[in-house]
Every structure is written in C-alpha cells, then in structure tokens.
Amino acid sequence: MDSHNLPPDSLRKIVHDLNGELFLIRGYADLSLGKLEEDHPIAENVRKILRRTDELEHIIQDLRRKQMILEPDD
C-alpha cells in the first residue's frame, strides 16, 4: 500500500505522532536557545532547528486539512 492510499486512521496517527515529536523537538530547542548567549556559535544552529520546526508545523496543518477532506463529518 503506498502513502496515497493510506486508510484515514493511519493518516490521523501519523499526523498525531509527527506533531508530538515536533512539539518535543521545538521544546528542547527553545530551552537550549534560552541557555545560550545570542552570539554563541551553537545558537544559530538552534535557531535553524526552530525555523525548520515552523516549516514542519505548516506541513502538519496541510496534512490535517487533507485528513478532514478524507474524513468528512457525517
């Protein structure tokens, strides 16, 4: 079965799991950035992680919209 033919329940679980992992990554990155000086060499890498999590949040929103299309209200 390819990803275009996943049952709606599978898509819901994938979106849920991805959102949970992203929440953890973003939380740890926020905490790490708070401990670093603005100009610390690692700070820019952590900011890149945060920017990427923002991008991934948009992807998750798109997946949720697709999920709603696949699972219309009765």
N, C-alpha and C. Protein backbone atom coordinates (compact mmCIF):
# COMPACT_ATOMS: atom_id res chain seq x y z
N MET A 1 0.85 -1.18 0.00
CA MET A 1 0.00 0.00 0.00
C MET A 1 0.90 1.23 0.00
N ASP A 2 0.70 2.15 -0.95
CA ASP A 2 1.52 3.36 -0.98
C ASP A 2 0.89 4.44 -0.10
N SER A 3 1.63 5.52 0.14
CA SER A 3 1.19 6.56 1.06
C SER A 3 -0.06 7.28 0.58
N HIS A 4 -0.36 7.23 -0.72
CA HIS A 4 -1.55 7.90 -1.23
C HIS A 4 -2.82 7.11 -0.94
N ASN A 5 -2.68 5.85 -0.55
CA ASN A 5 -3.84 5.00 -0.28
C ASN A 5 -3.92 4.59 1.18
N LEU A 6 -3.31 5.37 2.08
CA LEU A 6 -3.38 5.03 3.49
C LEU A 6 -4.80 5.18 4.01
N PRO A 7 -5.22 4.27 4.86
CA PRO A 7 -6.53 4.45 5.48
C PRO A 7 -6.53 5.74 6.31
N PRO A 8 -7.68 6.41 6.43
CA PRO A 8 -7.74 7.66 7.19
C PRO A 8 -7.20 7.54 8.61
N ASP A 9 -7.43 6.41 9.27
CA ASP A 9 -6.92 6.23 10.63
C ASP A 9 -5.40 6.26 10.66
N SER A 10 -4.75 5.72 9.62
CA SER A 10 -3.29 5.74 9.56
C SER A 10 -2.78 7.17 9.41
N LEU A 11 -3.43 7.95 8.58
CA LEU A 11 -3.02 9.34 8.39
C LEU A 11 -3.19 10.11 9.69
N ARG A 12 -4.28 9.88 10.38
CA ARG A 12 -4.51 10.55 11.66
C ARG A 12 -3.40 10.23 12.65
N LYS A 13 -3.01 8.95 12.72
CA LYS A 13 -1.95 8.54 13.65
C LYS A 13 -0.60 9.16 13.26
N ILE A 14 -0.31 9.17 11.98
CA ILE A 14 0.96 9.76 11.51
C ILE A 14 1.01 11.24 11.88
N VAL A 15 -0.07 11.95 11.60
CA VAL A 15 -0.12 13.39 11.91
C VAL A 15 0.01 13.61 13.41
N HIS A 16 -0.69 12.81 14.19
CA HIS A 16 -0.63 12.94 15.65
C HIS A 16 0.80 12.68 16.16
N ASP A 17 1.41 11.60 15.70
CA ASP A 17 2.77 11.25 16.15
C ASP A 17 3.79 12.29 15.71
N LEU A 18 3.67 12.75 14.48
CA LEU A 18 4.59 13.77 13.98
C LEU A 18 4.45 15.05 14.79
N ASN A 19 3.23 15.44 15.09
CA ASN A 19 3.01 16.64 15.87
C ASN A 19 3.62 16.51 17.27
N GLY A 20 3.48 15.34 17.88
CA GLY A 20 4.06 15.11 19.20
C GLY A 20 5.57 15.20 19.19
N GLU A 21 6.19 14.58 18.21
CA GLU A 21 7.66 14.63 18.11
C GLU A 21 8.14 16.07 17.85
N LEU A 22 7.43 16.76 16.99
CA LEU A 22 7.78 18.13 16.68
C LEU A 22 7.66 19.02 17.92
N PHE A 23 6.65 18.79 18.72
CA PHE A 23 6.46 19.53 19.96
C PHE A 23 7.68 19.35 20.88
N LEU A 24 8.15 18.11 21.00
CA LEU A 24 9.31 17.84 21.84
C LEU A 24 10.58 18.50 21.29
N ILE A 25 10.80 18.37 20.00
CA ILE A 25 11.99 18.97 19.39
C ILE A 25 11.99 20.47 19.60
N ARG A 26 10.84 21.09 19.33
CA ARG A 26 10.74 22.54 19.49
C ARG A 26 10.96 22.94 20.95
N GLY A 27 10.41 22.18 21.87
CA GLY A 27 10.58 22.50 23.29
C GLY A 27 12.03 22.44 23.72
N TYR A 28 12.72 21.37 23.32
CA TYR A 28 14.13 21.26 23.68
C TYR A 28 14.96 22.36 23.02
N ALA A 29 14.64 22.70 21.79
CA ALA A 29 15.37 23.76 21.10
C ALA A 29 15.14 25.11 21.78
N ASP A 30 13.89 25.38 22.17
CA ASP A 30 13.59 26.63 22.88
C ASP A 30 14.37 26.70 24.20
N LEU A 31 14.36 25.60 24.94
CA LEU A 31 15.09 25.57 26.21
C LEU A 31 16.58 25.78 25.98
N SER A 32 17.12 25.12 24.97
CA SER A 32 18.56 25.24 24.67
C SER A 32 18.91 26.67 24.29
N LEU A 33 18.10 27.27 23.43
CA LEU A 33 18.39 28.63 23.00
C LEU A 33 18.34 29.60 24.18
N GLY A 34 17.45 29.34 25.11
CA GLY A 34 17.36 30.19 26.30
C GLY A 34 18.59 30.14 27.18
N LYS A 35 19.35 29.07 27.08
CA LYS A 35 20.57 28.91 27.89
C LYS A 35 21.81 29.46 27.20
N LEU A 36 21.69 29.79 25.91
CA LEU A 36 22.85 30.23 25.14
C LEU A 36 22.88 31.75 25.00
N GLU A 37 24.08 32.28 24.95
CA GLU A 37 24.24 33.70 24.61
C GLU A 37 23.82 33.90 23.16
N GLU A 38 23.33 35.08 22.83
CA GLU A 38 22.87 35.39 21.48
C GLU A 38 23.90 35.06 20.41
N ASP A 39 25.17 35.34 20.70
CA ASP A 39 26.22 35.15 19.69
C ASP A 39 26.99 33.83 19.85
N HIS A 40 26.49 32.93 20.68
CA HIS A 40 27.15 31.63 20.85
C HIS A 40 27.13 30.90 19.50
N PRO A 41 28.23 30.22 19.15
CA PRO A 41 28.29 29.54 17.85
C PRO A 41 27.16 28.52 17.62
N ILE A 42 26.68 27.91 18.66
CA ILE A 42 25.63 26.91 18.51
C ILE A 42 24.25 27.55 18.38
N ALA A 43 24.11 28.78 18.84
CA ALA A 43 22.80 29.44 18.84
C ALA A 43 22.19 29.50 17.45
N GLU A 44 22.99 29.77 16.43
CA GLU A 44 22.44 29.83 15.07
C GLU A 44 21.92 28.47 14.63
N ASN A 45 22.59 27.40 15.02
CA ASN A 45 22.10 26.05 14.69
C ASN A 45 20.76 25.78 15.36
N VAL A 46 20.61 26.21 16.59
CA VAL A 46 19.34 26.01 17.30
C VAL A 46 18.25 26.86 16.64
N ARG A 47 18.58 28.07 16.23
CA ARG A 47 17.59 28.90 15.52
C ARG A 47 17.17 28.24 14.20
N LYS A 48 18.10 27.57 13.54
CA LYS A 48 17.74 26.84 12.31
C LYS A 48 16.76 25.71 12.62
N ILE A 49 16.97 25.03 13.73
CA ILE A 49 16.04 23.97 14.15
C ILE A 49 14.66 24.58 14.38
N LEU A 50 14.61 25.71 15.05
CA LEU A 50 13.32 26.35 15.31
C LEU A 50 12.63 26.79 14.02
N ARG A 51 13.40 27.32 13.08
CA ARG A 51 12.81 27.70 11.79
C ARG A 51 12.26 26.48 11.07
N ARG A 52 12.99 25.40 11.11
CA ARG A 52 12.54 24.18 10.44
C ARG A 52 11.29 23.61 11.11
N THR A 53 11.21 23.70 12.43
CA THR A 53 10.00 23.22 13.10
C THR A 53 8.80 24.07 12.69
N ASP A 54 9.01 25.37 12.47
CA ASP A 54 7.93 26.21 11.96
C ASP A 54 7.46 25.72 10.59
N GLU A 55 8.41 25.39 9.72
CA GLU A 55 8.06 24.88 8.39
C GLU A 55 7.30 23.56 8.50
N LEU A 56 7.75 22.70 9.39
CA LEU A 56 7.09 21.41 9.56
C LEU A 56 5.69 21.56 10.15
N GLU A 57 5.49 22.58 10.99
CA GLU A 57 4.15 22.83 11.52
C GLU A 57 3.18 23.16 10.39
N HIS A 58 3.65 23.88 9.38
CA HIS A 58 2.81 24.19 8.22
C HIS A 58 2.47 22.90 7.45
N ILE A 59 3.43 22.01 7.34
CA ILE A 59 3.17 20.73 6.67
C ILE A 59 2.12 19.94 7.44
N ILE A 60 2.22 19.94 8.77
CA ILE A 60 1.25 19.23 9.60
C ILE A 60 -0.14 19.83 9.41
N GLN A 61 -0.22 21.15 9.34
CA GLN A 61 -1.52 21.79 9.11
C GLN A 61 -2.10 21.34 7.77
N ASP A 62 -1.25 21.25 6.74
CA ASP A 62 -1.72 20.77 5.44
C ASP A 62 -2.22 19.33 5.55
N LEU A 63 -1.50 18.49 6.27
CA LEU A 63 -1.93 17.10 6.45
C LEU A 63 -3.26 17.03 7.18
N ARG A 64 -3.45 17.90 8.17
CA ARG A 64 -4.73 17.91 8.89
C ARG A 64 -5.88 18.31 7.96
N ARG A 65 -5.61 19.28 7.08
CA ARG A 65 -6.65 19.67 6.12
C ARG A 65 -6.99 18.50 5.20
N LYS A 66 -5.97 17.78 4.74
CA LYS A 66 -6.22 16.61 3.90
C LYS A 66 -6.98 15.54 4.67
N GLN A 67 -6.65 15.40 5.93
CA GLN A 67 -7.33 14.43 6.78
C GLN A 67 -8.81 14.79 6.87
N MET A 68 -9.13 16.06 7.02
CA MET A 68 -10.53 16.48 7.11
C MET A 68 -11.27 16.20 5.80
N ILE A 69 -10.57 16.33 4.69
CA ILE A 69 -11.19 16.03 3.39
C ILE A 69 -11.48 14.53 3.29
N LEU A 70 -10.53 13.72 3.78
CA LEU A 70 -10.71 12.27 3.72
C LEU A 70 -11.77 11.78 4.71
N GLU A 71 -11.95 12.53 5.79
CA GLU A 71 -12.89 12.13 6.85
C GLU A 71 -13.94 13.22 7.04
N PRO A 72 -14.79 13.45 6.06
CA PRO A 72 -15.81 14.49 6.22
C PRO A 72 -16.76 14.15 7.36
N ASP A 73 -17.32 15.18 7.96
CA ASP A 73 -18.31 14.97 9.04
C ASP A 73 -19.55 14.30 8.46
N ASP A 74 -20.11 13.42 9.25
CA ASP A 74 -21.33 12.72 8.81
C ASP A 74 -22.56 13.60 8.98
